[in-house]
C-alpha atoms as a PDB file:
ATOM      1  CA  MET A   1       0.005   0.000   0.064  1.00  0.00           C
ATOM      2  CA  CYS A   2       1.206   3.556  -0.800  1.00  0.00           C
ATOM      3  CA  ALA A   3       0.357   6.282   1.692  1.00  0.00           C
ATOM      4  CA  LEU A   4       0.789  10.122   1.690  1.00  0.00           C
ATOM      5  CA  GLN A   5       2.972  11.570   4.302  1.00  0.00           C
ATOM      6  CA  GLY A   6       3.952  15.201   4.830  1.00  0.00           C
ATOM      7  CA  LEU A   7       0.771  16.813   3.581  1.00  0.00           C
ATOM      8  CA  PHE A   8       0.885  20.580   3.091  1.00  0.00           C
ATOM      9  CA  VAL A   9      -0.979  23.421   1.340  1.00  0.00           C
ATOM     10  CA  ASP A  10       1.152  24.765  -1.737  1.00  0.00           C
ATOM     11  CA  GLU A  11       1.166  28.369  -2.939  1.00  0.00           C
ATOM     12  CA  ASN A  12      -1.777  27.535  -5.351  1.00  0.00           C
ATOM     13  CA  GLY A  13      -3.845  26.294  -2.388  1.00  0.00           C
ATOM     14  CA  ASN A  14      -3.515  22.652  -3.325  1.00  0.00           C
ATOM     15  CA  CYS A  15      -2.980  20.048  -0.738  1.00  0.00           C
ATOM     16  CA  VAL A  16       0.117  18.126  -1.736  1.00  0.00           C
ATOM     17  CA  GLY A  17       2.507  15.603  -0.091  1.00  0.00           C
ATOM     18  CA  SER A  18       4.990  12.779  -0.835  1.00  0.00           C
ATOM     19  CA  ILE A  19       4.230   9.002  -1.197  1.00  0.00           C
ATOM     20  CA  ALA A  20       5.698   6.344   0.875  1.00  0.00           C
ATOM     21  CA  ALA A  21       5.612   2.607   0.565  1.00  0.00           C
ATOM     22  CA  SER A  22       4.219   0.778   3.672  1.00  0.00           C
ATOM     23  CA  SER A  23       5.777  -2.498   2.560  1.00  0.00           C
ATOM     24  CA  GLY A  24       7.636  -3.217  -0.753  1.00  0.00           C
ATOM     25  CA  SER A  25       7.701  -0.935  -3.457  1.00  0.00           C
ATOM     26  CA  CYS A  26       4.892   1.153  -4.753  1.00  0.00           C
ATOM     27  CA  PRO A  27       4.102   0.628  -8.537  1.00  0.00           C
ATOM     28  CA  ILE A  28       3.378   4.270  -8.803  1.00  0.00           C
ATOM     29  CA  ALA A  29       5.092   6.488 -11.595  1.00  0.00           C
ATOM     30  CA  PRO A  30       6.563   9.579 -10.027  1.00  0.00           C
ATOM     31  CA  ILE A  31       6.233  12.878 -11.651  1.00  0.00           C
ATOM     32  CA  GLY A  32       8.216  15.531 -10.289  1.00  0.00           C
ATOM     33  CA  SER A  33       7.781  16.296  -6.280  1.00  0.00           C
ATOM     34  CA  SER A  34       3.927  16.449  -6.544  1.00  0.00           C
ATOM     35  CA  ILE A  35       1.549  13.520  -5.922  1.00  0.00           C
ATOM     36  CA  ASN A  36       0.839  11.230  -8.877  1.00  0.00           C
ATOM     37  CA  THR A  37      -1.876   8.670  -8.709  1.00  0.00           C
ATOM     38  CA  ARG A  38      -0.904   7.060 -12.030  1.00  0.00           C
ATOM     39  CA  CYS A  39       0.090   3.493 -11.834  1.00  0.00           C
ATOM     40  CA  ILE A  40       2.642   1.807 -13.921  1.00  0.00           C
ATOM     41  CA  PRO A  41       1.203  -0.203 -16.915  1.00  0.00           C
ATOM     42  CA  GLY A  42      -0.767  -3.174 -16.263  1.00  0.00           C
ATOM     43  CA  PHE A  43      -1.844  -1.801 -12.677  1.00  0.00           C
ATOM     44  CA  ALA A  44      -5.313  -0.247 -11.892  1.00  0.00           C
ATOM     45  CA  PRO A  45      -5.384   2.715  -9.419  1.00  0.00           C
ATOM     46  CA  GLN A  46      -7.381   2.617  -6.273  1.00  0.00           C
ATOM     47  CA  SER A  47      -7.474   5.235  -3.633  1.00  0.00           C
ATOM     48  CA  SER A  48      -9.262   6.223  -0.498  1.00  0.00           C
ATOM     49  CA  THR A  49      -9.835   9.938   0.502  1.00  0.00           C
ATOM     50  CA  THR A  50     -10.044  12.197   3.657  1.00  0.00           C
ATOM     51  CA  PRO A  51     -10.740  15.736   4.096  1.00  0.00           C
ATOM     52  CA  ALA A  52      -7.945  17.856   2.383  1.00  0.00           C
ATOM     53  CA  CYS A  53      -5.439  19.962   4.460  1.00  0.00           C
ATOM     54  CA  PRO A  54      -6.767  22.739   6.387  1.00  0.00           C
ATOM     55  CA  GLY A  55      -6.818  25.980   4.298  1.00  0.00           C
ATOM     56  CA  SER A  56      -6.521  23.991   0.706  1.00  0.00           C
ATOM     57  CA  ASN A  57      -8.848  24.624  -2.224  1.00  0.00           C
ATOM     58  CA  THR A  58      -9.917  21.094  -2.442  1.00  0.00           C
ATOM     59  CA  SER A  59     -12.516  19.361  -0.226  1.00  0.00           C
ATOM     60  CA  THR A  60     -11.035  15.912  -0.038  1.00  0.00           C
ATOM     61  CA  PHE A  61      -7.692  14.666  -0.915  1.00  0.00           C
ATOM     62  CA  PRO A  62      -6.571  11.013  -1.802  1.00  0.00           C
ATOM     63  CA  THR A  63      -4.549   9.646   1.340  1.00  0.00           C
ATOM     64  CA  THR A  64      -4.096   6.113   0.227  1.00  0.00           C
ATOM     65  CA  PHE A  65      -3.147   4.772  -3.140  1.00  0.00           C
ATOM     66  CA  THR A  66      -2.886   1.204  -4.131  1.00  0.00           C
ATOM     67  CA  CYS A  67      -2.176  -0.003  -7.737  1.00  0.00           C
ATOM     68  CA  THR A  68      -3.715  -3.354  -8.254  1.00  0.00           C
ATOM     69  CA  ALA A  69      -2.489  -5.712 -11.054  1.00  0.00           C
ATOM     70  CA  VAL A  70      -5.118  -6.260 -13.624  1.00  0.00           C
ATOM     71  CA  LEU A  71      -6.228  -9.881 -14.171  1.00  0.00           C
ATOM     72  CA  CYS A  72      -5.467 -11.359 -17.822  1.00  0.00           C
ATOM     73  CA  PRO A  73      -8.272 -10.469 -20.151  1.00  0.00           C
ATOM     74  CA  ALA A  74     -10.704 -13.147 -21.889  1.00  0.00           C
ATOM     75  CA  ASN A  75      -8.919 -15.558 -24.140  1.00  0.00           C
ATOM     76  CA  SER A  76      -5.562 -15.354 -22.413  1.00  0.00           C
ATOM     77  CA  ASN A  77      -4.037 -16.907 -19.334  1.00  0.00           C
ATOM     78  CA  GLY A  78      -1.504 -16.287 -16.930  1.00  0.00           C
ATOM     79  CA  ILE A  79      -1.327 -14.605 -13.275  1.00  0.00           C
ATOM     80  CA  ASN A  80      -2.098 -10.964 -14.381  1.00  0.00           C
ATOM     81  CA  VAL A  81      -1.063  -8.593 -16.944  1.00  0.00           C
ATOM     82  CA  PRO A  82       2.100  -7.175 -15.341  1.00  0.00           C
ATOM     83  CA  ALA A  83       3.423 -10.752 -14.877  1.00  0.00           C
ATOM     84  CA  GLY A  84       2.526 -11.612 -18.472  1.00  0.00           C
ATOM     85  CA  CYS A  85      -0.462 -13.019 -20.316  1.00  0.00           C
ATOM     86  CA  ALA A  86      -0.349 -15.352 -23.110  1.00  0.00           C
ATOM     87  CA  CYS A  87      -3.245 -15.905 -25.622  1.00  0.00           C
ATOM     88  CA  ASN A  88      -4.957 -19.323 -24.964  1.00  0.00           C
ATOM     89  CA  ALA A  89      -4.259 -22.339 -27.145  1.00  0.00           C
ATOM     90  CA  GLY A  90      -5.813 -22.010 -30.475  1.00  0.00           C
ATOM     91  CA  TYR A  91      -5.514 -18.096 -30.391  1.00  0.00           C
ATOM     92  CA  SER A  92      -2.909 -15.864 -32.085  1.00  0.00           C
ATOM     93  CA  GLY A  93      -1.811 -12.401 -30.497  1.00  0.00           C
ATOM     94  CA  LEU A  94      -0.394 -10.621 -27.740  1.00  0.00           C
ATOM     95  CA  VAL A  95      -1.431  -8.911 -24.325  1.00  0.00           C
ATOM     96  CA  THR A  96       0.350  -5.766 -23.667  1.00  0.00           C
ATOM     97  CA  ALA A  97       0.288  -3.657 -20.425  1.00  0.00           C
ATOM     98  CA  THR A  98      -0.931   0.111 -20.839  1.00  0.00           C
ATOM     99  CA  ALA A  99      -1.201   2.961 -18.301  1.00  0.00           C
ATOM    100  CA  THR A 100      -4.695   3.739 -19.244  1.00  0.00           C
ATOM    101  CA  ALA A 101      -8.163   1.760 -18.666  1.00  0.00           C
ATOM    102  CA  PRO A 102      -8.429  -1.021 -19.301  1.00  0.00           C
ATOM    103  CA  PHE A 103      -4.645  -1.240 -18.613  1.00  0.00           C
ATOM    104  CA  PHE A 104      -3.887  -3.666 -21.326  1.00  0.00           C
ATOM    105  CA  THR A 105      -4.412  -4.118 -25.119  1.00  0.00           C
ATOM    106  CA  SER A 106      -5.188  -7.663 -26.328  1.00  0.00           C
ATOM    107  CA  THR A 107      -4.914  -8.867 -29.834  1.00  0.00           C
ATOM    108  CA  CYS A 108      -5.824 -12.513 -28.956  1.00  0.00           C
ATOM    109  CA  GLN A 109      -7.702 -13.750 -32.133  1.00  0.00           C
ATOM    110  CA  ILE A 110      -9.257 -17.156 -32.682  1.00  0.00           C
ATOM    111  CA  VAL A 111      -7.395 -19.360 -35.263  1.00  0.00           C
ATOM    112  CA  SER A 112      -9.372 -20.878 -38.170  1.00  0.00           C
ATOM    113  CA  CYS A 113      -9.235 -24.557 -38.774  1.00  0.00           C
ATOM    114  CA  PRO A 114      -6.063 -25.532 -40.931  1.00  0.00           C
ATOM    115  CA  ALA A 115      -5.864 -27.063 -44.374  1.00  0.00           C
ATOM    116  CA  ASN A 116      -7.254 -30.432 -44.973  1.00  0.00           C
ATOM    117  CA  SER A 117      -9.612 -29.899 -41.795  1.00  0.00           C
ATOM    118  CA  ASN A 118     -12.951 -28.161 -41.152  1.00  0.00           C
ATOM    119  CA  GLY A 119     -15.009 -27.154 -38.032  1.00  0.00           C
ATOM    120  CA  ALA A 120     -15.800 -24.001 -35.980  1.00  0.00           C
ATOM    121  CA  ASN A 121     -12.083 -23.057 -34.991  1.00  0.00           C
ATOM    122  CA  VAL A 122      -8.957 -24.414 -33.429  1.00  0.00           C
ATOM    123  CA  ALA A 123      -9.600 -23.202 -30.101  1.00  0.00           C
ATOM    124  CA  SER A 124     -12.827 -25.037 -29.816  1.00  0.00           C
ATOM    125  CA  GLY A 125     -11.140 -28.417 -30.490  1.00  0.00           C
ATOM    126  CA  ALA A 126     -13.731 -29.028 -33.217  1.00  0.00           C
ATOM    127  CA  CYS A 127     -11.412 -29.224 -36.277  1.00  0.00           C
ATOM    128  CA  ARG A 128     -11.815 -32.424 -37.906  1.00  0.00           C
ATOM    129  CA  CYS A 129      -9.733 -33.743 -40.887  1.00  0.00           C
ATOM    130  CA  ASN A 130     -11.679 -33.629 -44.172  1.00  0.00           C
ATOM    131  CA  ALA A 131     -12.971 -36.812 -45.866  1.00  0.00           C
ATOM    132  CA  GLY A 132     -10.006 -38.611 -47.303  1.00  0.00           C
ATOM    133  CA  TYR A 133      -7.676 -37.508 -44.402  1.00  0.00           C
ATOM    134  CA  ASN A 134      -6.848 -38.976 -41.266  1.00  0.00           C
ATOM    135  CA  GLY A 135      -5.495 -37.445 -38.069  1.00  0.00           C
ATOM    136  CA  THR A 136      -5.976 -34.699 -35.435  1.00  0.00           C
ATOM    137  CA  VAL A 137      -5.922 -31.134 -35.020  1.00  0.00           C
ATOM    138  CA  THR A 138      -4.679 -30.045 -31.615  1.00  0.00           C
ATOM    139  CA  PRO A 139      -4.545 -26.286 -30.298  1.00  0.00           C
ATOM    140  CA  THR A 140      -1.300 -24.973 -29.018  1.00  0.00           C
ATOM    141  CA  ASN A 141       0.294 -21.742 -27.691  1.00  0.00           C
ATOM    142  CA  LEU A 142       2.957 -21.575 -30.204  1.00  0.00           C
ATOM    143  CA  ALA A 143       2.659 -20.422 -33.876  1.00  0.00           C
ATOM    144  CA  PRO A 144       0.864 -21.427 -36.033  1.00  0.00           C
ATOM    145  CA  PHE A 145      -1.109 -22.031 -32.718  1.00  0.00           C
ATOM    146  CA  PHE A 146      -2.013 -25.595 -33.681  1.00  0.00           C
ATOM    147  CA  ILE A 147      -0.553 -29.079 -34.552  1.00  0.00           C
ATOM    148  CA  SER A 148      -2.295 -30.503 -37.575  1.00  0.00           C
ATOM    149  CA  MET A 149      -1.732 -34.289 -38.346  1.00  0.00           C
ATOM    150  CA  CYS A 150      -4.263 -34.352 -41.161  1.00  0.00           C
ATOM    151  CA  ALA A 151      -2.625 -36.635 -43.680  1.00  0.00           C
ATOM    152  CA  ALA A 152      -4.114 -38.100 -46.790  1.00  0.00           C
ATOM    153  CA  VAL A 153      -5.374 -41.586 -46.503  1.00  0.00           C
ATOM    154  CA  SER A 154      -3.435 -43.955 -48.722  1.00  0.00           C
ATOM    155  CA  CYS A 155      -5.293 -45.859 -51.444  1.00  0.00           C
ATOM    156  CA  PRO A 156      -6.531 -49.373 -50.196  1.00  0.00           C
ATOM    157  CA  ALA A 157      -4.904 -52.508 -51.433  1.00  0.00           C
ATOM    158  CA  ASN A 158      -6.023 -53.645 -54.837  1.00  0.00           C
ATOM    159  CA  SER A 159      -6.669 -50.058 -56.067  1.00  0.00           C
ATOM    160  CA  THR A 160      -4.790 -47.604 -57.995  1.00  0.00           C
ATOM    161  CA  GLY A 161      -3.805 -44.016 -57.167  1.00  0.00           C
ATOM    162  CA  ILE A 162      -1.637 -42.214 -54.710  1.00  0.00           C
ATOM    163  CA  ASP A 163      -4.215 -41.511 -52.046  1.00  0.00           C
ATOM    164  CA  VAL A 164      -7.933 -41.126 -51.439  1.00  0.00           C
ATOM    165  CA  PRO A 165      -8.199 -37.361 -51.825  1.00  0.00           C
ATOM    166  CA  SER A 166      -6.258 -37.266 -55.138  1.00  0.00           C
ATOM    167  CA  GLY A 167      -8.213 -40.403 -56.327  1.00  0.00           C
END
């Protein structure tokens, strides 16, 4: 938790002070000597208020600031945004921490079924090999975000041709 200490009224009538960490470090981005309630990217600010300094121009003043790590967004996984989020298996893209709400950008997009297969999409696990092909399609977290084992079925004994799809 980050708390204000040394509150005083400046020459403009604003209640100002400095920030101190009660334990560990404060993920608050400092700007000059004035109070800044902006958190570093991936953290969302939270504060409580109390009456401002006597004689100041403001009626309340934030006295306790916390910066809470934002959870990983939909279609991604991980502990939280600052620790790093990865798109779920079967999705491609990135999750990047930002300093403005919602405190991340996500480009996680669902991946379509690969060649020689059909179905809803890779992430759903519903991709099936086309007729004349045998195997599986498995979602992964690494590009191209799936493993496709769909292989053409060989022509059966006592027949001619290379494989079933090509005839």
